[in-house]
PDB file of N, CA and C in Angstrom:
ATOM      1  N   MET A   1     -22.179 -19.998 -10.784  1.00  0.00           N
ATOM      2  CA  MET A   1     -22.404 -18.597 -10.489  1.00  0.00           C
ATOM      3  C   MET A   1     -21.959 -18.187  -9.084  1.00  0.00           C
ATOM      4  N   PRO A   2     -22.116 -19.024  -8.054  1.00  0.00           N
ATOM      5  CA  PRO A   2     -21.722 -18.569  -6.726  1.00  0.00           C
ATOM      6  C   PRO A   2     -20.226 -18.277  -6.624  1.00  0.00           C
ATOM      7  N   LYS A   3     -19.396 -18.983  -7.403  1.00  0.00           N
ATOM      8  CA  LYS A   3     -17.955 -18.749  -7.344  1.00  0.00           C
ATOM      9  C   LYS A   3     -17.610 -17.334  -7.818  1.00  0.00           C
ATOM     10  N   GLU A   4     -18.289 -16.873  -8.867  1.00  0.00           N
ATOM     11  CA  GLU A   4     -17.995 -15.543  -9.368  1.00  0.00           C
ATOM     12  C   GLU A   4     -18.386 -14.463  -8.365  1.00  0.00           C
ATOM     13  N   THR A   5     -19.501 -14.665  -7.686  1.00  0.00           N
ATOM     14  CA  THR A   5     -19.909 -13.657  -6.713  1.00  0.00           C
ATOM     15  C   THR A   5     -18.935 -13.624  -5.540  1.00  0.00           C
ATOM     16  N   THR A   6     -18.401 -14.784  -5.146  1.00  0.00           N
ATOM     17  CA  THR A   6     -17.443 -14.750  -4.045  1.00  0.00           C
ATOM     18  C   THR A   6     -16.159 -14.044  -4.470  1.00  0.00           C
ATOM     19  N   ILE A   7     -15.727 -14.244  -5.696  1.00  0.00           N
ATOM     20  CA  ILE A   7     -14.536 -13.538  -6.170  1.00  0.00           C
ATOM     21  C   ILE A   7     -14.825 -12.044  -6.250  1.00  0.00           C
ATOM     22  N   GLN A   8     -16.006 -11.690  -6.718  1.00  0.00           N
ATOM     23  CA  GLN A   8     -16.368 -10.272  -6.767  1.00  0.00           C
ATOM     24  C   GLN A   8     -16.438  -9.689  -5.360  1.00  0.00           C
ATOM     25  N   GLU A   9     -16.959 -10.454  -4.424  1.00  0.00           N
ATOM     26  CA  GLU A   9     -17.013  -9.977  -3.045  1.00  0.00           C
ATOM     27  C   GLU A   9     -15.608  -9.837  -2.463  1.00  0.00           C
ATOM     28  N   GLN A  10     -14.715 -10.756  -2.797  1.00  0.00           N
ATOM     29  CA  GLN A  10     -13.347 -10.658  -2.314  1.00  0.00           C
ATOM     30  C   GLN A  10     -12.627  -9.459  -2.920  1.00  0.00           C
ATOM     31  N   ILE A  11     -12.915  -9.177  -4.176  1.00  0.00           N
ATOM     32  CA  ILE A  11     -12.321  -7.992  -4.811  1.00  0.00           C
ATOM     33  C   ILE A  11     -12.846  -6.733  -4.140  1.00  0.00           C
ATOM     34  N   ALA A  12     -14.149  -6.701  -3.856  1.00  0.00           N
ATOM     35  CA  ALA A  12     -14.727  -5.540  -3.169  1.00  0.00           C
ATOM     36  C   ALA A  12     -14.152  -5.396  -1.764  1.00  0.00           C
ATOM     37  N   ALA A  13     -13.957  -6.513  -1.076  1.00  0.00           N
ATOM     38  CA  ALA A  13     -13.361  -6.454   0.262  1.00  0.00           C
ATOM     39  C   ALA A  13     -11.918  -5.968   0.196  1.00  0.00           C
ATOM     40  N   THR A  14     -11.187  -6.365  -0.851  1.00  0.00           N
ATOM     41  CA  THR A  14      -9.808  -5.913  -1.023  1.00  0.00           C
ATOM     42  C   THR A  14      -9.761  -4.416  -1.279  1.00  0.00           C
ATOM     43  N   ILE A  15     -10.676  -3.915  -2.084  1.00  0.00           N
ATOM     44  CA  ILE A  15     -10.736  -2.469  -2.339  1.00  0.00           C
ATOM     45  C   ILE A  15     -11.038  -1.724  -1.044  1.00  0.00           C
ATOM     46  N   ALA A  16     -11.970  -2.264  -0.245  1.00  0.00           N
ATOM     47  CA  ALA A  16     -12.311  -1.620   1.027  1.00  0.00           C
ATOM     48  C   ALA A  16     -11.125  -1.623   1.986  1.00  0.00           C
ATOM     49  N   LEU A  17     -10.376  -2.715   2.023  1.00  0.00           N
ATOM     50  CA  LEU A  17      -9.194  -2.774   2.883  1.00  0.00           C
ATOM     51  C   LEU A  17      -8.109  -1.807   2.421  1.00  0.00           C
ATOM     52  N   LEU A  18      -7.915  -1.704   1.116  1.00  0.00           N
ATOM     53  CA  LEU A  18      -6.943  -0.731   0.601  1.00  0.00           C
ATOM     54  C   LEU A  18      -7.340   0.686   1.008  1.00  0.00           C
ATOM     55  N   ARG A  19      -8.626   0.943   1.002  1.00  0.00           N
ATOM     56  CA  ARG A  19      -9.109   2.275   1.366  1.00  0.00           C
ATOM     57  C   ARG A  19      -8.901   2.545   2.850  1.00  0.00           C
ATOM     58  N   THR A  20      -9.223   1.569   3.708  1.00  0.00           N
ATOM     59  CA  THR A  20      -9.129   1.822   5.147  1.00  0.00           C
ATOM     60  C   THR A  20      -7.699   1.745   5.672  1.00  0.00           C
ATOM     61  N   LYS A  21      -6.927   0.777   5.197  1.00  0.00           N
ATOM     62  CA  LYS A  21      -5.585   0.573   5.750  1.00  0.00           C
ATOM     63  C   LYS A  21      -4.527   1.477   5.137  1.00  0.00           C
ATOM     64  N   LEU A  22      -4.636   1.745   3.829  1.00  0.00           N
ATOM     65  CA  LEU A  22      -3.614   2.543   3.155  1.00  0.00           C
ATOM     66  C   LEU A  22      -4.105   3.921   2.731  1.00  0.00           C
ATOM     67  N   GLY A  23      -5.407   4.161   2.830  1.00  0.00           N
ATOM     68  CA  GLY A  23      -5.947   5.456   2.437  1.00  0.00           C
ATOM     69  C   GLY A  23      -5.970   5.672   0.939  1.00  0.00           C
ATOM     70  N   VAL A  24      -6.012   4.586   0.177  1.00  0.00           N
ATOM     71  CA  VAL A  24      -5.973   4.658  -1.283  1.00  0.00           C
ATOM     72  C   VAL A  24      -7.401   4.600  -1.805  1.00  0.00           C
ATOM     73  N   ARG A  25      -7.743   5.520  -2.659  1.00  0.00           N
ATOM     74  CA  ARG A  25      -9.095   5.544  -3.208  1.00  0.00           C
ATOM     75  C   ARG A  25      -9.056   5.230  -4.697  1.00  0.00           C
ATOM     76  N   GLY A  26     -10.075   4.530  -5.135  1.00  0.00           N
ATOM     77  CA  GLY A  26     -10.214   4.191  -6.537  1.00  0.00           C
ATOM     78  C   GLY A  26     -11.509   3.434  -6.737  1.00  0.00           C
ATOM     79  N   LYS A  27     -12.112   3.606  -7.903  1.00  0.00           N
ATOM     80  CA  LYS A  27     -13.377   2.913  -8.170  1.00  0.00           C
ATOM     81  C   LYS A  27     -13.165   1.435  -8.433  1.00  0.00           C
ATOM     82  N   THR A  28     -12.064   1.102  -9.071  1.00  0.00           N
ATOM     83  CA  THR A  28     -11.761  -0.293  -9.373  1.00  0.00           C
ATOM     84  C   THR A  28     -10.499  -0.698  -8.624  1.00  0.00           C
ATOM     85  N   LEU A  29     -10.247  -1.986  -8.609  1.00  0.00           N
ATOM     86  CA  LEU A  29      -9.046  -2.483  -7.947  1.00  0.00           C
ATOM     87  C   LEU A  29      -7.792  -2.024  -8.686  1.00  0.00           C
ATOM     88  N   ALA A  30      -7.852  -1.985  -9.998  1.00  0.00           N
ATOM     89  CA  ALA A  30      -6.692  -1.542 -10.781  1.00  0.00           C
ATOM     90  C   ALA A  30      -6.350  -0.081 -10.471  1.00  0.00           C
ATOM     91  N   ALA A  31      -7.370   0.757 -10.348  1.00  0.00           N
ATOM     92  CA  ALA A  31      -7.127   2.164 -10.024  1.00  0.00           C
ATOM     93  C   ALA A  31      -6.561   2.314  -8.613  1.00  0.00           C
ATOM     94  N   SER A  32      -7.056   1.522  -7.692  1.00  0.00           N
ATOM     95  CA  SER A  32      -6.535   1.571  -6.325  1.00  0.00           C
ATOM     96  C   SER A  32      -5.093   1.080  -6.268  1.00  0.00           C
ATOM     97  N   LEU A  33      -4.789   0.048  -7.043  1.00  0.00           N
ATOM     98  CA  LEU A  33      -3.433  -0.502  -7.024  1.00  0.00           C
ATOM     99  C   LEU A  33      -2.417   0.429  -7.665  1.00  0.00           C
ATOM    100  N   ARG A  34      -2.845   1.200  -8.647  1.00  0.00           N
ATOM    101  CA  ARG A  34      -1.922   2.173  -9.245  1.00  0.00           C
ATOM    102  C   ARG A  34      -1.452   3.167  -8.197  1.00  0.00           C
ATOM    103  N   ARG A  35      -2.345   3.519  -7.281  1.00  0.00           N
ATOM    104  CA  ARG A  35      -1.975   4.483  -6.254  1.00  0.00           C
ATOM    105  C   ARG A  35      -1.226   3.834  -5.089  1.00  0.00           C
ATOM    106  N   ALA A  36      -1.433   2.533  -4.883  1.00  0.00           N
ATOM    107  CA  ALA A  36      -0.833   1.849  -3.740  1.00  0.00           C
ATOM    108  C   ALA A  36       0.390   1.022  -4.115  1.00  0.00           C
ATOM    109  N   LYS A  37       0.887   1.148  -5.321  1.00  0.00           N
ATOM    110  CA  LYS A  37       1.978   0.289  -5.788  1.00  0.00           C
ATOM    111  C   LYS A  37       3.210   0.403  -4.893  1.00  0.00           C
ATOM    112  N   HIS A  38       3.578   1.598  -4.507  1.00  0.00           N
ATOM    113  CA  HIS A  38       4.786   1.779  -3.702  1.00  0.00           C
ATOM    114  C   HIS A  38       4.565   1.451  -2.232  1.00  0.00           C
ATOM    115  N   LEU A  39       3.333   1.206  -1.825  1.00  0.00           N
ATOM    116  CA  LEU A  39       3.039   0.887  -0.428  1.00  0.00           C
ATOM    117  C   LEU A  39       2.943  -0.614  -0.159  1.00  0.00           C
ATOM    118  N   LEU A  40       2.927  -1.413  -1.211  1.00  0.00           N
ATOM    119  CA  LEU A  40       2.760  -2.855  -1.065  1.00  0.00           C
ATOM    120  C   LEU A  40       4.046  -3.593  -1.443  1.00  0.00           C
ATOM    121  N   PRO A  41       4.325  -4.714  -0.784  1.00  0.00           N
ATOM    122  CA  PRO A  41       5.454  -5.545  -1.222  1.00  0.00           C
ATOM    123  C   PRO A  41       5.191  -6.114  -2.621  1.00  0.00           C
ATOM    124  N   ARG A  42       6.252  -6.441  -3.322  1.00  0.00           N
ATOM    125  CA  ARG A  42       6.124  -6.888  -4.707  1.00  0.00           C
ATOM    126  C   ARG A  42       5.255  -8.140  -4.824  1.00  0.00           C
ATOM    127  N   ARG A  43       5.429  -9.094  -3.915  1.00  0.00           N
ATOM    128  CA  ARG A  43       4.668 -10.344  -3.963  1.00  0.00           C
ATOM    129  C   ARG A  43       3.172 -10.075  -3.793  1.00  0.00           C
ATOM    130  N   VAL A  44       2.838  -9.209  -2.859  1.00  0.00           N
ATOM    131  CA  VAL A  44       1.424  -8.877  -2.620  1.00  0.00           C
ATOM    132  C   VAL A  44       0.874  -8.082  -3.798  1.00  0.00           C
ATOM    133  N   TYR A  45       1.690  -7.198  -4.349  1.00  0.00           N
ATOM    134  CA  TYR A  45       1.242  -6.390  -5.484  1.00  0.00           C
ATOM    135  C   TYR A  45       0.941  -7.273  -6.696  1.00  0.00           C
ATOM    136  N   THR A  46       1.786  -8.282  -6.955  1.00  0.00           N
ATOM    137  CA  THR A  46       1.520  -9.145  -8.109  1.00  0.00           C
ATOM    138  C   THR A  46       0.255  -9.970  -7.899  1.00  0.00           C
ATOM    139  N   GLN A  47       0.019 -10.418  -6.666  1.00  0.00           N
ATOM    140  CA  GLN A  47      -1.220 -11.148  -6.389  1.00  0.00           C
ATOM    141  C   GLN A  47      -2.431 -10.231  -6.575  1.00  0.00           C
ATOM    142  N   ALA A  48      -2.301  -9.000  -6.147  1.00  0.00           N
ATOM    143  CA  ALA A  48      -3.402  -8.045  -6.307  1.00  0.00           C
ATOM    144  C   ALA A  48      -3.635  -7.718  -7.782  1.00  0.00           C
ATOM    145  N   MET A  49      -2.568  -7.692  -8.574  1.00  0.00           N
ATOM    146  CA  MET A  49      -2.738  -7.440 -10.002  1.00  0.00           C
ATOM    147  C   MET A  49      -3.469  -8.596 -10.684  1.00  0.00           C
ATOM    148  N   LYS A  50      -3.270  -9.821 -10.202  1.00  0.00           N
ATOM    149  CA  LYS A  50      -4.043 -10.953 -10.728  1.00  0.00           C
ATOM    150  C   LYS A  50      -5.526 -10.728 -10.475  1.00  0.00           C
ATOM    151  N   LEU A  51      -5.848 -10.225  -9.306  1.00  0.00           N
ATOM    152  CA  LEU A  51      -7.247  -9.930  -8.991  1.00  0.00           C
ATOM    153  C   LEU A  51      -7.784  -8.801  -9.865  1.00  0.00           C
ATOM    154  N   ALA A  52      -6.950  -7.798 -10.123  1.00  0.00           N
ATOM    155  CA  ALA A  52      -7.385  -6.675 -10.952  1.00  0.00           C
ATOM    156  C   ALA A  52      -7.649  -7.135 -12.388  1.00  0.00           C
ATOM    157  N   GLN A  53      -6.820  -8.036 -12.899  1.00  0.00           N
ATOM    158  CA  GLN A  53      -7.060  -8.561 -14.243  1.00  0.00           C
ATOM    159  C   GLN A  53      -8.328  -9.408 -14.264  1.00  0.00           C
ATOM    160  N   ALA A  54      -8.559 -10.155 -13.200  1.00  0.00           N
ATOM    161  CA  ALA A  54      -9.778 -10.966 -13.117  1.00  0.00           C
ATOM    162  C   ALA A  54     -11.013 -10.079 -13.024  1.00  0.00           C
ATOM    163  N   GLU A  55     -10.866  -8.936 -12.376  1.00  0.00           N
ATOM    164  CA  GLU A  55     -11.990  -8.001 -12.266  1.00  0.00           C
ATOM    165  C   GLU A  55     -12.435  -7.527 -13.642  1.00  0.00           C
ATOM    166  N   GLN A  56     -11.483  -7.283 -14.511  1.00  0.00           N
ATOM    167  CA  GLN A  56     -11.829  -6.867 -15.873  1.00  0.00           C
ATOM    168  C   GLN A  56     -12.448  -8.009 -16.656  1.00  0.00           C
ATOM    169  N   MET A  57     -11.956  -9.229 -16.431  1.00  0.00           N
ATOM    170  CA  MET A  57     -12.489 -10.380 -17.157  1.00  0.00           C
ATOM    171  C   MET A  57     -13.875 -10.774 -16.660  1.00  0.00           C
ATOM    172  N   MET A  58     -14.220 -10.406 -15.436  1.00  0.00           N
ATOM    173  CA  MET A  58     -15.523 -10.758 -14.875  1.00  0.00           C
ATOM    174  C   MET A  58     -16.659 -10.053 -15.622  1.00  0.00           C
ATOM    175  N   ARG A  59     -16.359  -8.969 -16.270  1.00  0.00           N
ATOM    176  CA  ARG A  59     -17.397  -8.216 -16.982  1.00  0.00           C
ATOM    177  C   ARG A  59     -17.863  -8.922 -18.251  1.00  0.00           C
ATOM    178  N   HIS A  60     -17.006  -9.782 -18.806  1.00  0.00           N
ATOM    179  CA  HIS A  60     -17.337 -10.476 -20.050  1.00  0.00           C
ATOM    180  C   HIS A  60     -17.821 -11.885 -19.721  1.00  0.00           C
ATOM    181  N   PRO A  61     -19.005 -12.270 -20.199  1.00  0.00           N
ATOM    182  CA  PRO A  61     -19.580 -13.565 -19.800  1.00  0.00           C
ATOM    183  C   PRO A  61     -18.749 -14.778 -20.219  1.00  0.00           C
ATOM    184  N   LYS A  62     -18.136 -14.758 -21.398  1.00  0.00           N
ATOM    185  CA  LYS A  62     -17.361 -15.920 -21.838  1.00  0.00           C
ATOM    186  C   LYS A  62     -15.975 -15.954 -21.208  1.00  0.00           C
ATOM    187  N   LEU A  63     -15.390 -14.794 -20.992  1.00  0.00           N
ATOM    188  CA  LEU A  63     -14.083 -14.757 -20.345  1.00  0.00           C
ATOM    189  C   LEU A  63     -14.189 -15.124 -18.867  1.00  0.00           C
ATOM    190  N   ARG A  64     -15.330 -14.883 -18.279  1.00  0.00           N
ATOM    191  CA  ARG A  64     -15.557 -15.207 -16.879  1.00  0.00           C
ATOM    192  C   ARG A  64     -15.383 -16.707 -16.635  1.00  0.00           C
ATOM    193  N   LEU A  65     -15.708 -17.515 -17.635  1.00  0.00           N
ATOM    194  CA  LEU A  65     -15.603 -18.965 -17.490  1.00  0.00           C
ATOM    195  C   LEU A  65     -14.157 -19.451 -17.492  1.00  0.00           C
ATOM    196  N   THR A  66     -13.236 -18.644 -17.995  1.00  0.00           N
ATOM    197  CA  THR A  66     -11.839 -19.058 -18.089  1.00  0.00           C
ATOM    198  C   THR A  66     -11.037 -18.735 -16.824  1.00  0.00           C
ATOM    199  N   LEU A  67     -11.643 -18.093 -15.853  1.00  0.00           N
ATOM    200  CA  LEU A  67     -10.916 -17.693 -14.654  1.00  0.00           C
ATOM    201  C   LEU A  67     -10.576 -18.896 -13.783  1.00  0.00           C
ATOM    202  N   ASP A  68      -9.402 -18.863 -13.210  1.00  0.00           N
ATOM    203  CA  ASP A  68      -8.954 -19.913 -12.286  1.00  0.00           C
ATOM    204  C   ASP A  68      -9.350 -19.489 -10.875  1.00  0.00           C
ATOM    205  N   THR A  69     -10.515 -19.939 -10.432  1.00  0.00           N
ATOM    206  CA  THR A  69     -11.055 -19.467  -9.159  1.00  0.00           C
ATOM    207  C   THR A  69     -10.228 -19.873  -7.944  1.00  0.00           C
ATOM    208  N   PRO A  70      -9.639 -21.073  -7.858  1.00  0.00           N
ATOM    209  CA  PRO A  70      -8.815 -21.365  -6.677  1.00  0.00           C
ATOM    210  C   PRO A  70      -7.592 -20.455  -6.569  1.00  0.00           C
ATOM    211  N   GLN A  71      -6.975 -20.166  -7.711  1.00  0.00           N
ATOM    212  CA  GLN A  71      -5.810 -19.283  -7.700  1.00  0.00           C
ATOM    213  C   GLN A  71      -6.219 -17.862  -7.302  1.00  0.00           C
ATOM    214  N   LEU A  72      -7.359 -17.402  -7.798  1.00  0.00           N
ATOM    215  CA  LEU A  72      -7.827 -16.063  -7.445  1.00  0.00           C
ATOM    216  C   LEU A  72      -8.241 -15.986  -5.978  1.00  0.00           C
ATOM    217  N   THR A  73      -8.822 -17.056  -5.471  1.00  0.00           N
ATOM    218  CA  THR A  73      -9.186 -17.080  -4.062  1.00  0.00           C
ATOM    219  C   THR A  73      -7.940 -17.024  -3.187  1.00  0.00           C
ATOM    220  N   TYR A  74      -6.909 -17.773  -3.570  1.00  0.00           N
ATOM    221  CA  TYR A  74      -5.643 -17.733  -2.833  1.00  0.00           C
ATOM    222  C   TYR A  74      -5.016 -16.338  -2.896  1.00  0.00           C
ATOM    223  N   ALA A  75      -5.047 -15.722  -4.075  1.00  0.00           N
ATOM    224  CA  ALA A  75      -4.483 -14.380  -4.232  1.00  0.00           C
ATOM    225  C   ALA A  75      -5.232 -13.383  -3.358  1.00  0.00           C
ATOM    226  N   ALA A  76      -6.550 -13.475  -3.345  1.00  0.00           N
ATOM    227  CA  ALA A  76      -7.345 -12.559  -2.522  1.00  0.00           C
ATOM    228  C   ALA A  76      -7.055 -12.766  -1.047  1.00  0.00           C
ATOM    229  N   GLN A  77      -6.917 -14.012  -0.627  1.00  0.00           N
ATOM    230  CA  GLN A  77      -6.622 -14.284   0.784  1.00  0.00           C
ATOM    231  C   GLN A  77      -5.249 -13.746   1.168  1.00  0.00           C
ATOM    232  N   GLU A  78      -4.274 -13.891   0.277  1.00  0.00           N
ATOM    233  CA  GLU A  78      -2.928 -13.405   0.575  1.00  0.00           C
ATOM    234  C   GLU A  78      -2.894 -11.874   0.672  1.00  0.00           C
ATOM    235  N   VAL A  79      -3.552 -11.202  -0.252  1.00  0.00           N
ATOM    236  CA  VAL A  79      -3.579  -9.742  -0.230  1.00  0.00           C
ATOM    237  C   VAL A  79      -4.328  -9.252   1.005  1.00  0.00           C
ATOM    238  N   GLN A  80      -5.458  -9.861   1.299  1.00  0.00           N
ATOM    239  CA  GLN A  80      -6.242  -9.434   2.455  1.00  0.00           C
ATOM    240  C   GLN A  80      -5.518  -9.732   3.762  1.00  0.00           C
ATOM    241  N   ALA A  81      -4.780 -10.840   3.827  1.00  0.00           N
ATOM    242  CA  ALA A  81      -4.009 -11.143   5.035  1.00  0.00           C
ATOM    243  C   ALA A  81      -2.936 -10.088   5.268  1.00  0.00           C
ATOM    244  N   HIS A  82      -2.277  -9.658   4.191  1.00  0.00           N
ATOM    245  CA  HIS A  82      -1.264  -8.610   4.337  1.00  0.00           C
ATOM    246  C   HIS A  82      -1.904  -7.295   4.789  1.00  0.00           C
ATOM    247  N   LEU A  83      -3.039  -6.950   4.202  1.00  0.00           N
ATOM    248  CA  LEU A  83      -3.682  -5.696   4.560  1.00  0.00           C
ATOM    249  C   LEU A  83      -4.240  -5.726   5.983  1.00  0.00           C
ATOM    250  N   HIS A  84      -4.723  -6.882   6.432  1.00  0.00           N
ATOM    251  CA  HIS A  84      -5.210  -6.986   7.804  1.00  0.00           C
ATOM    252  C   HIS A  84      -4.066  -6.847   8.814  1.00  0.00           C
ATOM    253  N   ALA A  85      -2.869  -7.239   8.414  1.00  0.00           N
ATOM    254  CA  ALA A  85      -1.721  -7.192   9.321  1.00  0.00           C
ATOM    255  C   ALA A  85      -1.160  -5.788   9.503  1.00  0.00           C
ATOM    256  N   ILE A  86      -1.594  -4.836   8.699  1.00  0.00           N
ATOM    257  CA  ILE A  86      -1.089  -3.467   8.805  1.00  0.00           C
ATOM    258  C   ILE A  86      -1.694  -2.814  10.034  1.00  0.00           C
ATOM    259  N   ASP A  87      -0.832  -2.274  10.895  1.00  0.00           N
ATOM    260  CA  ASP A  87      -1.265  -1.584  12.102  1.00  0.00           C
ATOM    261  C   ASP A  87      -1.238  -0.078  11.839  1.00  0.00           C
ATOM    262  N   LEU A  88      -2.407   0.528  11.841  1.00  0.00           N
ATOM    263  CA  LEU A  88      -2.490   1.957  11.516  1.00  0.00           C
ATOM    264  C   LEU A  88      -1.794   2.824  12.551  1.00  0.00           C
ATOM    265  N   ALA A  89      -1.916   2.469  13.833  1.00  0.00           N
ATOM    266  CA  ALA A  89      -1.270   3.258  14.882  1.00  0.00           C
ATOM    267  C   ALA A  89       0.248   3.203  14.736  1.00  0.00           C
ATOM    268  N   ASP A  90       0.772   2.046  14.386  1.00  0.00           N
ATOM    269  CA  ASP A  90       2.205   1.908  14.203  1.00  0.00           C
ATOM    270  C   ASP A  90       2.678   2.722  12.992  1.00  0.00           C
ATOM    271  N   ARG A  91       1.883   2.741  11.931  1.00  0.00           N
ATOM    272  CA  ARG A  91       2.245   3.557  10.759  1.00  0.00           C
ATOM    273  C   ARG A  91       2.273   5.035  11.103  1.00  0.00           C
ATOM    274  N   ARG A  92       1.275   5.494  11.874  1.00  0.00           N
ATOM    275  CA  ARG A  92       1.250   6.907  12.282  1.00  0.00           C
ATOM    276  C   ARG A  92       2.436   7.233  13.171  1.00  0.00           C
ATOM    277  N   TRP A  93       2.734   6.342  14.121  1.00  0.00           N
ATOM    278  CA  TRP A  93       3.850   6.553  15.031  1.00  0.00           C
ATOM    279  C   TRP A  93       5.171   6.583  14.252  1.00  0.00           C
ATOM    280  N   GLY A  94       5.323   5.710  13.277  1.00  0.00           N
ATOM    281  CA  GLY A  94       6.524   5.694  12.456  1.00  0.00           C
ATOM    282  C   GLY A  94       6.681   6.970  11.641  1.00  0.00           C
ATOM    283  N   ALA A  95       5.576   7.483  11.108  1.00  0.00           N
ATOM    284  CA  ALA A  95       5.639   8.737  10.350  1.00  0.00           C
ATOM    285  C   ALA A  95       6.020   9.900  11.265  1.00  0.00           C
ATOM    286  N   PHE A  96       5.459   9.908  12.476  1.00  0.00           N
ATOM    287  CA  PHE A  96       5.779  10.966  13.438  1.00  0.00           C
ATOM    288  C   PHE A  96       7.252  10.915  13.816  1.00  0.00           C
ATOM    289  N   LEU A  97       7.760   9.715  14.094  1.00  0.00           N
ATOM    290  CA  LEU A  97       9.175   9.587  14.448  1.00  0.00           C
ATOM    291  C   LEU A  97      10.087   9.938  13.279  1.00  0.00           C
ATOM    292  N   GLY A  98       9.640   9.674  12.054  1.00  0.00           N
ATOM    293  CA  GLY A  98      10.426  10.052  10.880  1.00  0.00           C
ATOM    294  C   GLY A  98      10.554  11.557  10.746  1.00  0.00           C
ATOM    295  N   VAL A  99       9.462  12.257  10.980  1.00  0.00           N
ATOM    296  CA  VAL A  99       9.496  13.725  10.933  1.00  0.00           C
ATOM    297  C   VAL A  99      10.380  14.262  12.049  1.00  0.00           C
ATOM    298  N   LEU A 100      10.232  13.684  13.235  1.00  0.00           N
ATOM    299  CA  LEU A 100      11.036  14.116  14.378  1.00  0.00           C
ATOM    300  C   LEU A 100      12.526  13.879  14.133  1.00  0.00           C
ATOM    301  N   ALA A 101      12.878  12.755  13.533  1.00  0.00           N
ATOM    302  CA  ALA A 101      14.281  12.470  13.226  1.00  0.00           C
ATOM    303  C   ALA A 101      14.818  13.439  12.185  1.00  0.00           C
ATOM    304  N   GLY A 102      13.997  13.805  11.222  1.00  0.00           N
ATOM    305  CA  GLY A 102      14.428  14.783  10.217  1.00  0.00           C
ATOM    306  C   GLY A 102      14.695  16.143  10.827  1.00  0.00           C
ATOM    307  N   ILE A 103      13.825  16.559  11.726  1.00  0.00           N
ATOM    308  CA  ILE A 103      14.026  17.846  12.405  1.00  0.00           C
ATOM    309  C   ILE A 103      15.289  17.813  13.255  1.00  0.00           C
ATOM    310  N   ALA A 104      15.500  16.704  13.975  1.00  0.00           N
ATOM    311  CA  ALA A 104      16.699  16.584  14.818  1.00  0.00           C
ATOM    312  C   ALA A 104      17.971  16.611  13.974  1.00  0.00           C
ATOM    313  N   ALA A 105      17.970  15.943  12.847  1.00  0.00           N
ATOM    314  CA  ALA A 105      19.152  15.935  11.978  1.00  0.00           C
ATOM    315  C   ALA A 105      19.426  17.335  11.431  1.00  0.00           C
ATOM    316  N   ASN A 106      18.381  18.041  11.049  1.00  0.00           N
ATOM    317  CA  ASN A 106      18.570  19.405  10.533  1.00  0.00           C
ATOM    318  C   ASN A 106      19.098  20.337  11.615  1.00  0.00           C
ATOM    319  N   MET A 107      18.596  20.191  12.832  1.00  0.00           N
ATOM    320  CA  MET A 107      19.086  21.054  13.919  1.00  0.00           C
ATOM    321  C   MET A 107      20.545  20.737  14.246  1.00  0.00           C
ATOM    322  N   LEU A 108      20.937  19.468  14.186  1.00  0.00           N
ATOM    323  CA  LEU A 108      22.322  19.088  14.431  1.00  0.00           C
ATOM    324  C   LEU A 108      23.241  19.674  13.358  1.00  0.00           C
ATOM    325  N   MET A 109      22.812  19.596  12.091  1.00  0.00           N
ATOM    326  CA  MET A 109      23.615  20.191  11.015  1.00  0.00           C
ATOM    327  C   MET A 109      23.722  21.704  11.176  1.00  0.00           C
ATOM    328  N   LEU A 110      22.660  22.354  11.604  1.00  0.00           N
ATOM    329  CA  LEU A 110      22.695  23.799  11.825  1.00  0.00           C
ATOM    330  C   LEU A 110      23.667  24.143  12.949  1.00  0.00           C
ATOM    331  N   ALA A 111      23.641  23.371  14.023  1.00  0.00           N
ATOM    332  CA  ALA A 111      24.558  23.625  15.134  1.00  0.00           C
ATOM    333  C   ALA A 111      26.012  23.443  14.692  1.00  0.00           C
ATOM    334  N   VAL A 112      26.287  22.424  13.903  1.00  0.00           N
ATOM    335  CA  VAL A 112      27.649  22.204  13.406  1.00  0.00           C
ATOM    336  C   VAL A 112      28.060  23.355  12.499  1.00  0.00           C
ATOM    337  N   LEU A 113      27.190  23.813  11.626  1.00  0.00           N
ATOM    338  CA  LEU A 113      27.526  24.934  10.736  1.00  0.00           C
ATOM    339  C   LEU A 113      27.767  26.217  11.519  1.00  0.00           C
ATOM    340  N   VAL A 114      26.970  26.474  12.536  1.00  0.00           N
ATOM    341  CA  VAL A 114      27.184  27.666  13.368  1.00  0.00           C
ATOM    342  C   VAL A 114      28.522  27.556  14.091  1.00  0.00           C
ATOM    343  N   PHE A 115      28.835  26.374  14.625  1.00  0.00           N
ATOM    344  CA  PHE A 115      30.110  26.173  15.303  1.00  0.00           C
ATOM    345  C   PHE A 115      31.277  26.394  14.342  1.00  0.00           C
ATOM    346  N   ILE A 116      31.178  25.864  13.126  1.00  0.00           N
ATOM    347  CA  ILE A 116      32.244  26.048  12.136  1.00  0.00           C
ATOM    348  C   ILE A 116      32.376  27.522  11.762  1.00  0.00           C
ATOM    349  N   LEU A 117      31.261  28.209  11.600  1.00  0.00           N
ATOM    350  CA  LEU A 117      31.299  29.634  11.254  1.00  0.00           C
ATOM    351  C   LEU A 117      31.948  30.449  12.361  1.00  0.00           C
ATOM    352  N   LEU A 118      31.585  30.169  13.610  1.00  0.00           N
ATOM    353  CA  LEU A 118      32.193  30.903  14.731  1.00  0.00           C
ATOM    354  C   LEU A 118      33.680  30.597  14.848  1.00  0.00           C
ATOM    355  N   TRP A 119      34.065  29.355  14.605  1.00  0.00           N
ATOM    356  CA  TRP A 119      35.476  28.989  14.661  1.00  0.00           C
ATOM    357  C   TRP A 119      36.265  29.665  13.538  1.00  0.00           C
ATOM    358  N   TRP A 120      35.671  29.744  12.359  1.00  0.00           N
ATOM    359  CA  TRP A 120      36.314  30.341  11.202  1.00  0.00           C
ATOM    360  C   TRP A 120      36.517  31.843  11.413  1.00  0.00           C
ATOM    361  N   ARG A 121      35.539  32.487  12.063  1.00  0.00           N
ATOM    362  CA  ARG A 121      35.632  33.911  12.339  1.00  0.00           C
ATOM    363  C   ARG A 121      36.546  34.218  13.496  1.00  0.00           C
ATOM    364  N   GLY A 122      36.951  33.201  14.260  1.00  0.00           N
ATOM    365  CA  GLY A 122      37.847  33.404  15.372  1.00  0.00           C
ATOM    366  C   GLY A 122      37.157  33.787  16.656  1.00  0.00           C
ATOM    367  N   LEU A 123      35.865  33.564  16.745  1.00  0.00           N
ATOM    368  CA  LEU A 123      35.122  33.929  17.947  1.00  0.00           C
ATOM    369  C   LEU A 123      35.131  32.802  18.988  1.00  0.00           C
ATOM    370  N   ILE A 124      35.599  31.641  18.612  1.00  0.00           N
ATOM    371  CA  ILE A 124      35.683  30.531  19.575  1.00  0.00           C
ATOM    372  C   ILE A 124      37.140  30.203  19.799  1.00  0.00           C
TER     373      ILE A 124
END
């Protein structure tokens, strides 16, 4: 019995990390992963899906006995290690710089179009 509670605790910790680090909300791990699929690397996502399948199997008493606890523990550690490595300040800074780069590119294109229009009209 203690092994199942540790896996359940690891699943709960993974859900909490997904919520804090990626801002993904969901009642179950599967629901959270559906929303975070594009934010996670493929290797981490597949490990997290193993945990989500185990979460469903934990509800059934006989299926609970068939779970491979060392593999699930490794999967939980790998997913949690990736989520702990995410730097929220760096993500915010990257999003800000992305918006700033988009604005700069649009202003450059506008300046080129204005220059072409003035040249075409013969004003330059």
